Every structure is written in C-alpha cells, then in structure tokens.
Amino acid sequence: MIYPRVQSKKLTDSARGKECTMMHPTQCNGNAETVVLCHIPRPFMGATGGKTSDFCGFYGCSGCHTWFDGPGRNSPESFEYALDAMMKTLHIMHSDGLITFKGEK
C-alpha cells in the first residue's frame, strides 16, 4: 500500500536545535546546530521514488545525515539506526505536542 506523503513545516522546523536521535557512534558530531529532519528512503517504507512523509524521518546531525545519505544508505545497519532514531523522534514530536491522537488529553 502506498501512503500519501505528509508534508509539515512544523515537523521539519521542529528539528532545529534538537539533539541528534540517530547518534551513530562513529558519525555523530553532537552538534545540535546542524540537526535537520532526515527522511528515510521510500524503498524501506514500501514505495519507490521521492521523499517519504515527514512522519518517516528522524532528527539527524550533519554527520549522521551525511553517513545515512551516503555510505550507509540502504544497508541493514543504516535501516536499524534509522528506525530507532525515527521512534525516538516520534516520541519527541509527541511530547512536544506536534503529533497528537484523537481523544488524547
């Protein structure tokens, strides 16, 4: 099933100043000033071509982002790091009130 791409300026802007959620042990530079919302490639999410939804991303520093988009791309290791980082990011977004659920107080 192909899901529609959700684009949200609030979600992409929320990465500014956050800690990197990927924290790759050899790539992370720990610099919150370089963190952006990094998108997980669509082949991992059951589709091809284009960017995924802003829900399918993680807060990544320039070091982790460069590794993930380059040498680490599409490897089992990068997928494992990306999924873990995405879960951490979704929890942060929820805690910050950027993602809410119907009936939630």
PDB file of N, CA and C in Angstrom:
ATOM      1  N   MET A   1       0.837  -1.179   0.000  1.00  0.00           N
ATOM      2  CA  MET A   1       0.000   0.000   0.000  1.00  0.00           C
ATOM      3  C   MET A   1       0.888   1.251   0.000  1.00  0.00           C
ATOM      4  N   ILE A   2       0.527   2.203  -0.804  1.00  0.00           N
ATOM      5  CA  ILE A   2       1.251   3.472  -0.867  1.00  0.00           C
ATOM      6  C   ILE A   2       0.492   4.487  -0.015  1.00  0.00           C
ATOM      7  N   TYR A   3       1.198   5.083   0.921  1.00  0.00           N
ATOM      8  CA  TYR A   3       0.584   6.083   1.783  1.00  0.00           C
ATOM      9  C   TYR A   3       0.879   7.474   1.241  1.00  0.00           C
ATOM     10  N   PRO A   4      -0.064   8.402   1.405  1.00  0.00           N
ATOM     11  CA  PRO A   4       0.198   9.765   0.932  1.00  0.00           C
ATOM     12  C   PRO A   4       1.338  10.405   1.717  1.00  0.00           C
ATOM     13  N   ARG A   5       2.068  11.259   1.051  1.00  0.00           N
ATOM     14  CA  ARG A   5       3.174  11.964   1.707  1.00  0.00           C
ATOM     15  C   ARG A   5       2.626  13.134   2.505  1.00  0.00           C
ATOM     16  N   VAL A   6       2.904  13.129   3.782  1.00  0.00           N
ATOM     17  CA  VAL A   6       2.529  14.230   4.656  1.00  0.00           C
ATOM     18  C   VAL A   6       3.706  15.184   4.720  1.00  0.00           C
ATOM     19  N   GLN A   7       3.477  16.434   4.368  1.00  0.00           N
ATOM     20  CA  GLN A   7       4.496  17.465   4.481  1.00  0.00           C
ATOM     21  C   GLN A   7       4.037  18.459   5.543  1.00  0.00           C
ATOM     22  N   SER A   8       4.913  18.727   6.486  1.00  0.00           N
ATOM     23  CA  SER A   8       4.561  19.631   7.569  1.00  0.00           C
ATOM     24  C   SER A   8       5.752  20.513   7.915  1.00  0.00           C
ATOM     25  N   LYS A   9       5.598  21.790   7.673  1.00  0.00           N
ATOM     26  CA  LYS A   9       6.654  22.740   8.034  1.00  0.00           C
ATOM     27  C   LYS A   9       6.936  22.684   9.533  1.00  0.00           C
ATOM     28  N   LYS A  10       5.878  22.483  10.335  1.00  0.00           N
ATOM     29  CA  LYS A  10       6.072  22.397  11.785  1.00  0.00           C
ATOM     30  C   LYS A  10       6.973  21.221  12.152  1.00  0.00           C
ATOM     31  N   LEU A  11       6.778  20.089  11.479  1.00  0.00           N
ATOM     32  CA  LEU A  11       7.608  18.923  11.785  1.00  0.00           C
ATOM     33  C   LEU A  11       9.042  19.126  11.315  1.00  0.00           C
ATOM     34  N   THR A  12       9.223  19.643  10.097  1.00  0.00           N
ATOM     35  CA  THR A  12      10.595  19.852   9.625  1.00  0.00           C
ATOM     36  C   THR A  12      11.304  20.924  10.447  1.00  0.00           C
ATOM     37  N   ASP A  13      10.581  21.987  10.787  1.00  0.00           N
ATOM     38  CA  ASP A  13      11.185  23.051  11.599  1.00  0.00           C
ATOM     39  C   ASP A  13      11.480  22.595  13.026  1.00  0.00           C
ATOM     40  N   SER A  14      10.773  21.572  13.497  1.00  0.00           N
ATOM     41  CA  SER A  14      10.949  21.124  14.883  1.00  0.00           C
ATOM     42  C   SER A  14      12.344  20.554  15.132  1.00  0.00           C
ATOM     43  N   ALA A  15      13.057  20.191  14.081  1.00  0.00           N
ATOM     44  CA  ALA A  15      14.399  19.617  14.241  1.00  0.00           C
ATOM     45  C   ALA A  15      15.416  20.652  14.699  1.00  0.00           C
ATOM     46  N   ARG A  16      15.143  21.909  14.401  1.00  0.00           N
ATOM     47  CA  ARG A  16      16.102  22.974  14.707  1.00  0.00           C
ATOM     48  C   ARG A  16      16.455  22.991  16.193  1.00  0.00           C
ATOM     49  N   GLY A  17      17.741  22.834  16.484  1.00  0.00           N
ATOM     50  CA  GLY A  17      18.222  22.912  17.865  1.00  0.00           C
ATOM     51  C   GLY A  17      18.052  21.646  18.683  1.00  0.00           C
ATOM     52  N   LYS A  18      17.472  20.600  18.094  1.00  0.00           N
ATOM     53  CA  LYS A  18      17.275  19.347  18.825  1.00  0.00           C
ATOM     54  C   LYS A  18      18.563  18.521  18.799  1.00  0.00           C
ATOM     55  N   GLU A  19      18.631  17.541  19.696  1.00  0.00           N
ATOM     56  CA  GLU A  19      19.746  16.596  19.691  1.00  0.00           C
ATOM     57  C   GLU A  19      19.521  15.586  18.575  1.00  0.00           C
ATOM     58  N   CYS A  20      20.584  15.091  18.023  1.00  0.00           N
ATOM     59  CA  CYS A  20      20.519  14.041  17.016  1.00  0.00           C
ATOM     60  C   CYS A  20      19.922  12.786  17.656  1.00  0.00           C
ATOM     61  N   THR A  21      18.933  12.173  16.993  1.00  0.00           N
ATOM     62  CA  THR A  21      18.349  10.944  17.533  1.00  0.00           C
ATOM     63  C   THR A  21      19.002   9.697  16.947  1.00  0.00           C
ATOM     64  N   MET A  22      19.794   9.850  15.885  1.00  0.00           N
ATOM     65  CA  MET A  22      20.479   8.684  15.320  1.00  0.00           C
ATOM     66  C   MET A  22      21.701   8.337  16.163  1.00  0.00           C
ATOM     67  N   MET A  23      22.489   9.311  16.508  1.00  0.00           N
ATOM     68  CA  MET A  23      23.672   9.133  17.352  1.00  0.00           C
ATOM     69  C   MET A  23      24.547   7.953  16.937  1.00  0.00           C
ATOM     70  N   HIS A  24      24.881   7.876  15.657  1.00  0.00           N
ATOM     71  CA  HIS A  24      25.767   6.807  15.182  1.00  0.00           C
ATOM     72  C   HIS A  24      27.114   6.967  15.883  1.00  0.00           C
ATOM     73  N   PRO A  25      27.652   5.890  16.449  1.00  0.00           N
ATOM     74  CA  PRO A  25      28.858   6.006  17.277  1.00  0.00           C
ATOM     75  C   PRO A  25      30.096   6.553  16.568  1.00  0.00           C
ATOM     76  N   THR A  26      30.211   6.377  15.260  1.00  0.00           N
ATOM     77  CA  THR A  26      31.399   6.881  14.566  1.00  0.00           C
ATOM     78  C   THR A  26      31.108   8.089  13.679  1.00  0.00           C
ATOM     79  N   GLN A  27      29.833   8.472  13.544  1.00  0.00           N
ATOM     80  CA  GLN A  27      29.474   9.543  12.624  1.00  0.00           C
ATOM     81  C   GLN A  27      28.886  10.786  13.286  1.00  0.00           C
ATOM     82  N   CYS A  28      28.236  10.611  14.431  1.00  0.00           N
ATOM     83  CA  CYS A  28      27.532  11.719  15.082  1.00  0.00           C
ATOM     84  C   CYS A  28      28.517  12.795  15.554  1.00  0.00           C
ATOM     85  N   ASN A  29      28.207  14.049  15.203  1.00  0.00           N
ATOM     86  CA  ASN A  29      29.089  15.136  15.646  1.00  0.00           C
ATOM     87  C   ASN A  29      28.548  15.824  16.898  1.00  0.00           C
ATOM     88  N   GLY A  30      27.358  15.445  17.349  1.00  0.00           N
ATOM     89  CA  GLY A  30      26.805  16.001  18.578  1.00  0.00           C
ATOM     90  C   GLY A  30      26.472  17.480  18.516  1.00  0.00           C
ATOM     91  N   ASN A  31      26.427  18.041  17.320  1.00  0.00           N
ATOM     92  CA  ASN A  31      26.177  19.473  17.166  1.00  0.00           C
ATOM     93  C   ASN A  31      24.709  19.721  16.835  1.00  0.00           C
ATOM     94  N   ALA A  32      23.937  20.160  17.829  1.00  0.00           N
ATOM     95  CA  ALA A  32      22.501  20.404  17.651  1.00  0.00           C
ATOM     96  C   ALA A  32      22.227  21.492  16.611  1.00  0.00           C
ATOM     97  N   GLU A  33      23.203  22.344  16.357  1.00  0.00           N
ATOM     98  CA  GLU A  33      23.011  23.408  15.365  1.00  0.00           C
ATOM     99  C   GLU A  33      22.948  22.862  13.940  1.00  0.00           C
ATOM    100  N   THR A  34      23.385  21.622  13.730  1.00  0.00           N
ATOM    101  CA  THR A  34      23.364  21.042  12.381  1.00  0.00           C
ATOM    102  C   THR A  34      22.215  20.056  12.172  1.00  0.00           C
ATOM    103  N   VAL A  35      21.358  19.891  13.182  1.00  0.00           N
ATOM    104  CA  VAL A  35      20.292  18.885  13.110  1.00  0.00           C
ATOM    105  C   VAL A  35      19.159  19.337  12.199  1.00  0.00           C
ATOM    106  N   VAL A  36      18.739  18.401  11.322  1.00  0.00           N
ATOM    107  CA  VAL A  36      17.599  18.599  10.427  1.00  0.00           C
ATOM    108  C   VAL A  36      16.732  17.343  10.488  1.00  0.00           C
ATOM    109  N   LEU A  37      15.533  17.414   9.914  1.00  0.00           N
ATOM    110  CA  LEU A  37      14.682  16.236   9.797  1.00  0.00           C
ATOM    111  C   LEU A  37      15.156  15.446   8.580  1.00  0.00           C
ATOM    112  N   CYS A  38      15.706  14.274   8.811  1.00  0.00           N
ATOM    113  CA  CYS A  38      16.218  13.407   7.745  1.00  0.00           C
ATOM    114  C   CYS A  38      15.132  12.398   7.390  1.00  0.00           C
ATOM    115  N   HIS A  39      14.876  12.238   6.106  1.00  0.00           N
ATOM    116  CA  HIS A  39      13.833  11.325   5.648  1.00  0.00           C
ATOM    117  C   HIS A  39      14.412   9.948   5.346  1.00  0.00           C
ATOM    118  N   ILE A  40      13.685   8.913   5.749  1.00  0.00           N
ATOM    119  CA  ILE A  40      14.082   7.541   5.467  1.00  0.00           C
ATOM    120  C   ILE A  40      13.652   7.230   4.031  1.00  0.00           C
ATOM    121  N   PRO A  41      14.530   6.661   3.204  1.00  0.00           N
ATOM    122  CA  PRO A  41      14.194   6.403   1.803  1.00  0.00           C
ATOM    123  C   PRO A  41      12.936   5.555   1.647  1.00  0.00           C
ATOM    124  N   ARG A  42      12.176   5.860   0.631  1.00  0.00           N
ATOM    125  CA  ARG A  42      10.915   5.174   0.381  1.00  0.00           C
ATOM    126  C   ARG A  42      11.027   3.665   0.193  1.00  0.00           C
ATOM    127  N   PRO A  43      12.096   3.116  -0.393  1.00  0.00           N
ATOM    128  CA  PRO A  43      12.133   1.654  -0.521  1.00  0.00           C
ATOM    129  C   PRO A  43      11.987   0.946   0.828  1.00  0.00           C
ATOM    130  N   PHE A  44      12.489   1.575   1.897  1.00  0.00           N
ATOM    131  CA  PHE A  44      12.337   0.991   3.228  1.00  0.00           C
ATOM    132  C   PHE A  44      10.888   1.070   3.694  1.00  0.00           C
ATOM    133  N   MET A  45      10.133   1.998   3.141  1.00  0.00           N
ATOM    134  CA  MET A  45       8.769   2.227   3.613  1.00  0.00           C
ATOM    135  C   MET A  45       7.726   1.667   2.644  1.00  0.00           C
ATOM    136  N   GLY A  46       8.121   0.782   1.740  1.00  0.00           N
ATOM    137  CA  GLY A  46       7.181   0.093   0.874  1.00  0.00           C
ATOM    138  C   GLY A  46       6.805   0.833  -0.394  1.00  0.00           C
ATOM    139  N   ALA A  47       7.599   1.772  -0.840  1.00  0.00           N
ATOM    140  CA  ALA A  47       7.302   2.509  -2.063  1.00  0.00           C
ATOM    141  C   ALA A  47       8.621   2.895  -2.725  1.00  0.00           C
ATOM    142  N   THR A  48       8.530   3.424  -3.924  1.00  0.00           N
ATOM    143  CA  THR A  48       9.738   3.846  -4.617  1.00  0.00           C
ATOM    144  C   THR A  48       9.609   5.286  -5.076  1.00  0.00           C
ATOM    145  N   GLY A  49      10.736   5.971  -5.179  1.00  0.00           N
ATOM    146  CA  GLY A  49      10.771   7.331  -5.704  1.00  0.00           C
ATOM    147  C   GLY A  49      10.303   8.376  -4.716  1.00  0.00           C
ATOM    148  N   GLY A  50      10.983   9.493  -4.698  1.00  0.00           N
ATOM    149  CA  GLY A  50      10.568  10.639  -3.892  1.00  0.00           C
ATOM    150  C   GLY A  50      10.825  10.478  -2.412  1.00  0.00           C
ATOM    151  N   LYS A  51      10.563  11.550  -1.690  1.00  0.00           N
ATOM    152  CA  LYS A  51      10.739  11.547  -0.240  1.00  0.00           C
ATOM    153  C   LYS A  51       9.531  10.917   0.432  1.00  0.00           C
ATOM    154  N   THR A  52       9.773  10.410   1.618  1.00  0.00           N
ATOM    155  CA  THR A  52       8.685   9.867   2.416  1.00  0.00           C
ATOM    156  C   THR A  52       7.989  10.993   3.161  1.00  0.00           C
ATOM    157  N   SER A  53       6.962  10.623   3.862  1.00  0.00           N
ATOM    158  CA  SER A  53       6.244  11.528   4.733  1.00  0.00           C
ATOM    159  C   SER A  53       7.179  12.093   5.795  1.00  0.00           C
ATOM    160  N   ASP A  54       6.853  13.251   6.296  1.00  0.00           N
ATOM    161  CA  ASP A  54       7.638  13.823   7.385  1.00  0.00           C
ATOM    162  C   ASP A  54       7.501  12.989   8.661  1.00  0.00           C
ATOM    163  N   PHE A  55       6.538  12.076   8.704  1.00  0.00           N
ATOM    164  CA  PHE A  55       6.433  11.141   9.822  1.00  0.00           C
ATOM    165  C   PHE A  55       7.543  10.096   9.771  1.00  0.00           C
ATOM    166  N   CYS A  56       8.096   9.853   8.593  1.00  0.00           N
ATOM    167  CA  CYS A  56       9.104   8.801   8.394  1.00  0.00           C
ATOM    168  C   CYS A  56      10.493   9.403   8.343  1.00  0.00           C
ATOM    169  N   GLY A  57      10.855  10.044   9.412  1.00  0.00           N
ATOM    170  CA  GLY A  57      12.158  10.682   9.473  1.00  0.00           C
ATOM    171  C   GLY A  57      12.681  10.712  10.892  1.00  0.00           C
ATOM    172  N   PHE A  58      13.839  11.309  11.024  1.00  0.00           N
ATOM    173  CA  PHE A  58      14.468  11.405  12.340  1.00  0.00           C
ATOM    174  C   PHE A  58      15.277  12.687  12.405  1.00  0.00           C
ATOM    175  N   TYR A  59      15.567  13.122  13.622  1.00  0.00           N
ATOM    176  CA  TYR A  59      16.418  14.277  13.822  1.00  0.00           C
ATOM    177  C   TYR A  59      17.868  13.805  13.664  1.00  0.00           C
ATOM    178  N   GLY A  60      18.555  14.330  12.652  1.00  0.00           N
ATOM    179  CA  GLY A  60      19.921  13.894  12.406  1.00  0.00           C
ATOM    180  C   GLY A  60      20.884  15.060  12.273  1.00  0.00           C
ATOM    181  N   CYS A  61      22.036  14.938  12.937  1.00  0.00           N
ATOM    182  CA  CYS A  61      23.091  15.943  12.797  1.00  0.00           C
ATOM    183  C   CYS A  61      23.700  15.811  11.404  1.00  0.00           C
ATOM    184  N   SER A  62      24.536  16.753  11.025  1.00  0.00           N
ATOM    185  CA  SER A  62      25.127  16.713   9.686  1.00  0.00           C
ATOM    186  C   SER A  62      25.989  15.464   9.481  1.00  0.00           C
ATOM    187  N   GLY A  63      26.650  14.989  10.530  1.00  0.00           N
ATOM    188  CA  GLY A  63      27.475  13.792  10.406  1.00  0.00           C
ATOM    189  C   GLY A  63      26.648  12.547  10.138  1.00  0.00           C
ATOM    190  N   CYS A  64      25.609  12.341  10.928  1.00  0.00           N
ATOM    191  CA  CYS A  64      24.738  11.175  10.745  1.00  0.00           C
ATOM    192  C   CYS A  64      23.975  11.269   9.429  1.00  0.00           C
ATOM    193  N   HIS A  65      23.521  12.474   9.085  1.00  0.00           N
ATOM    194  CA  HIS A  65      22.776  12.662   7.842  1.00  0.00           C
ATOM    195  C   HIS A  65      23.654  12.346   6.637  1.00  0.00           C
ATOM    196  N   THR A  66      24.891  12.810   6.644  1.00  0.00           N
ATOM    197  CA  THR A  66      25.811  12.541   5.545  1.00  0.00           C
ATOM    198  C   THR A  66      26.076  11.044   5.418  1.00  0.00           C
ATOM    199  N   TRP A  67      26.296  10.370   6.547  1.00  0.00           N
ATOM    200  CA  TRP A  67      26.521   8.926   6.530  1.00  0.00           C
ATOM    201  C   TRP A  67      25.285   8.202   6.025  1.00  0.00           C
ATOM    202  N   PHE A  68      24.112   8.579   6.539  1.00  0.00           N
ATOM    203  CA  PHE A  68      22.874   7.895   6.170  1.00  0.00           C
ATOM    204  C   PHE A  68      22.544   8.082   4.688  1.00  0.00           C
ATOM    205  N   ASP A  69      22.789   9.255   4.150  1.00  0.00           N
ATOM    206  CA  ASP A  69      22.501   9.518   2.736  1.00  0.00           C
ATOM    207  C   ASP A  69      23.613   9.048   1.807  1.00  0.00           C
ATOM    208  N   GLY A  70      24.759   8.688   2.365  1.00  0.00           N
ATOM    209  CA  GLY A  70      25.892   8.285   1.532  1.00  0.00           C
ATOM    210  C   GLY A  70      26.257   6.832   1.736  1.00  0.00           C
ATOM    211  N   PRO A  71      27.412   6.599   2.377  1.00  0.00           N
ATOM    212  CA  PRO A  71      27.926   5.232   2.509  1.00  0.00           C
ATOM    213  C   PRO A  71      26.981   4.273   3.244  1.00  0.00           C
ATOM    214  N   GLY A  72      26.209   4.786   4.169  1.00  0.00           N
ATOM    215  CA  GLY A  72      25.318   3.915   4.933  1.00  0.00           C
ATOM    216  C   GLY A  72      24.004   3.605   4.243  1.00  0.00           C
ATOM    217  N   ARG A  73      23.710   4.318   3.178  1.00  0.00           N
ATOM    218  CA  ARG A  73      22.411   4.220   2.515  1.00  0.00           C
ATOM    219  C   ARG A  73      22.041   2.781   2.151  1.00  0.00           C
ATOM    220  N   ASN A  74      20.845   2.404   2.542  1.00  0.00           N
ATOM    221  CA  ASN A  74      20.239   1.122   2.193  1.00  0.00           C
ATOM    222  C   ASN A  74      20.940  -0.110   2.777  1.00  0.00           C
ATOM    223  N   SER A  75      21.779   0.084   3.764  1.00  0.00           N
ATOM    224  CA  SER A  75      22.394  -1.071   4.426  1.00  0.00           C
ATOM    225  C   SER A  75      21.516  -1.495   5.603  1.00  0.00           C
ATOM    226  N   PRO A  76      21.604  -2.763   6.004  1.00  0.00           N
ATOM    227  CA  PRO A  76      20.838  -3.194   7.184  1.00  0.00           C
ATOM    228  C   PRO A  76      21.180  -2.369   8.426  1.00  0.00           C
ATOM    229  N   GLU A  77      22.459  -1.998   8.580  1.00  0.00           N
ATOM    230  CA  GLU A  77      22.869  -1.193   9.734  1.00  0.00           C
ATOM    231  C   GLU A  77      22.173   0.167   9.721  1.00  0.00           C
ATOM    232  N   SER A  78      22.143   0.815   8.551  1.00  0.00           N
ATOM    233  CA  SER A  78      21.525   2.141   8.489  1.00  0.00           C
ATOM    234  C   SER A  78      20.026   2.061   8.744  1.00  0.00           C
ATOM    235  N   PHE A  79      19.391   0.998   8.251  1.00  0.00           N
ATOM    236  CA  PHE A  79      17.958   0.832   8.474  1.00  0.00           C
ATOM    237  C   PHE A  79      17.671   0.659   9.965  1.00  0.00           C
ATOM    238  N   GLU A  80      18.488  -0.115  10.649  1.00  0.00           N
ATOM    239  CA  GLU A  80      18.314  -0.318  12.089  1.00  0.00           C
ATOM    240  C   GLU A  80      18.479   0.999  12.853  1.00  0.00           C
ATOM    241  N   TYR A  81      19.528   1.746  12.528  1.00  0.00           N
ATOM    242  CA  TYR A  81      19.748   3.045  13.172  1.00  0.00           C
ATOM    243  C   TYR A  81      18.600   4.012  12.858  1.00  0.00           C
ATOM    244  N   ALA A  82      18.154   4.011  11.594  1.00  0.00           N
ATOM    245  CA  ALA A  82      17.093   4.938  11.178  1.00  0.00           C
ATOM    246  C   ALA A  82      15.776   4.642  11.881  1.00  0.00           C
ATOM    247  N   LEU A  83      15.406   3.373  11.992  1.00  0.00           N
ATOM    248  CA  LEU A  83      14.147   3.035  12.670  1.00  0.00           C
ATOM    249  C   LEU A  83      14.183   3.413  14.142  1.00  0.00           C
ATOM    250  N   ASP A  84      15.317   3.142  14.787  1.00  0.00           N
ATOM    251  CA  ASP A  84      15.461   3.515  16.195  1.00  0.00           C
ATOM    252  C   ASP A  84      15.372   5.034  16.356  1.00  0.00           C
ATOM    253  N   ALA A  85      16.052   5.753  15.467  1.00  0.00           N
ATOM    254  CA  ALA A  85      16.033   7.222  15.513  1.00  0.00           C
ATOM    255  C   ALA A  85      14.636   7.759  15.215  1.00  0.00           C
ATOM    256  N   MET A  86      13.917   7.127  14.271  1.00  0.00           N
ATOM    257  CA  MET A  86      12.562   7.573  13.944  1.00  0.00           C
ATOM    258  C   MET A  86      11.639   7.410  15.153  1.00  0.00           C
ATOM    259  N   MET A  87      11.752   6.288  15.855  1.00  0.00           N
ATOM    260  CA  MET A  87      10.912   6.077  17.041  1.00  0.00           C
ATOM    261  C   MET A  87      11.212   7.125  18.114  1.00  0.00           C
ATOM    262  N   LYS A  88      12.494   7.411  18.343  1.00  0.00           N
ATOM    263  CA  LYS A  88      12.858   8.446  19.312  1.00  0.00           C
ATOM    264  C   LYS A  88      12.287   9.797  18.885  1.00  0.00           C
ATOM    265  N   THR A  89      12.400  10.097  17.587  1.00  0.00           N
ATOM    266  CA  THR A  89      11.912  11.377  17.062  1.00  0.00           C
ATOM    267  C   THR A  89      10.403  11.493  17.204  1.00  0.00           C
ATOM    268  N   LEU A  90       9.667  10.418  16.894  1.00  0.00           N
ATOM    269  CA  LEU A  90       8.208  10.456  17.032  1.00  0.00           C
ATOM    270  C   LEU A  90       7.801  10.686  18.489  1.00  0.00           C
ATOM    271  N   HIS A  91       8.514  10.076  19.413  1.00  0.00           N
ATOM    272  CA  HIS A  91       8.226  10.308  20.837  1.00  0.00           C
ATOM    273  C   HIS A  91       8.489  11.761  21.221  1.00  0.00           C
ATOM    274  N   ILE A  92       9.560  12.335  20.707  1.00  0.00           N
ATOM    275  CA  ILE A  92       9.855  13.749  20.987  1.00  0.00           C
ATOM    276  C   ILE A  92       8.772  14.635  20.393  1.00  0.00           C
ATOM    277  N   MET A  93       8.396  14.360  19.151  1.00  0.00           N
ATOM    278  CA  MET A  93       7.346  15.157  18.498  1.00  0.00           C
ATOM    279  C   MET A  93       6.033  15.070  19.269  1.00  0.00           C
ATOM    280  N   HIS A  94       5.730  13.889  19.772  1.00  0.00           N
ATOM    281  CA  HIS A  94       4.512  13.728  20.573  1.00  0.00           C
ATOM    282  C   HIS A  94       4.629  14.500  21.885  1.00  0.00           C
ATOM    283  N   SER A  95       5.771  14.367  22.549  1.00  0.00           N
ATOM    284  CA  SER A  95       5.987  15.088  23.820  1.00  0.00           C
ATOM    285  C   SER A  95       5.910  16.598  23.641  1.00  0.00           C
ATOM    286  N   ASP A  96       6.369  17.067  22.464  1.00  0.00           N
ATOM    287  CA  ASP A  96       6.335  18.499  22.168  1.00  0.00           C
ATOM    288  C   ASP A  96       4.977  18.972  21.651  1.00  0.00           C
ATOM    289  N   GLY A  97       4.011  18.049  21.546  1.00  0.00           N
ATOM    290  CA  GLY A  97       2.665  18.420  21.098  1.00  0.00           C
ATOM    291  C   GLY A  97       2.533  18.586  19.587  1.00  0.00           C
ATOM    292  N   LEU A  98       3.515  18.145  18.823  1.00  0.00           N
ATOM    293  CA  LEU A  98       3.450  18.265  17.376  1.00  0.00           C
ATOM    294  C   LEU A  98       2.631  17.154  16.737  1.00  0.00           C
ATOM    295  N   ILE A  99       2.567  16.017  17.412  1.00  0.00           N
ATOM    296  CA  ILE A  99       1.745  14.891  16.973  1.00  0.00           C
ATOM    297  C   ILE A  99       0.825  14.551  18.129  1.00  0.00           C
ATOM    298  N   THR A 100      -0.461  14.537  17.876  1.00  0.00           N
ATOM    299  CA  THR A 100      -1.430  14.201  18.911  1.00  0.00           C
ATOM    300  C   THR A 100      -2.370  13.119  18.375  1.00  0.00           C
ATOM    301  N   PHE A 101      -3.110  12.526  19.271  1.00  0.00           N
ATOM    302  CA  PHE A 101      -4.036  11.466  18.912  1.00  0.00           C
ATOM    303  C   PHE A 101      -5.447  11.854  19.332  1.00  0.00           C
ATOM    304  N   LYS A 102      -6.416  11.476  18.522  1.00  0.00           N
ATOM    305  CA  LYS A 102      -7.807  11.790  18.849  1.00  0.00           C
ATOM    306  C   LYS A 102      -8.131  11.249  20.229  1.00  0.00           C
ATOM    307  N   GLY A 103      -8.825  12.044  21.004  1.00  0.00           N
ATOM    308  CA  GLY A 103      -9.238  11.651  22.333  1.00  0.00           C
ATOM    309  C   GLY A 103      -8.156  11.788  23.392  1.00  0.00           C
ATOM    310  N   GLU A 104      -6.980  12.180  22.992  1.00  0.00           N
ATOM    311  CA  GLU A 104      -5.876  12.330  23.935  1.00  0.00           C
ATOM    312  C   GLU A 104      -6.034  13.653  24.698  1.00  0.00           C
ATOM    313  N   LYS A 105      -5.726  13.600  25.984  1.00  0.00           N
ATOM    314  CA  LYS A 105      -5.816  14.809  26.787  1.00  0.00           C
ATOM    315  C   LYS A 105      -4.452  15.286  27.159  1.00  0.00           C
TER     316      LYS A 105
END
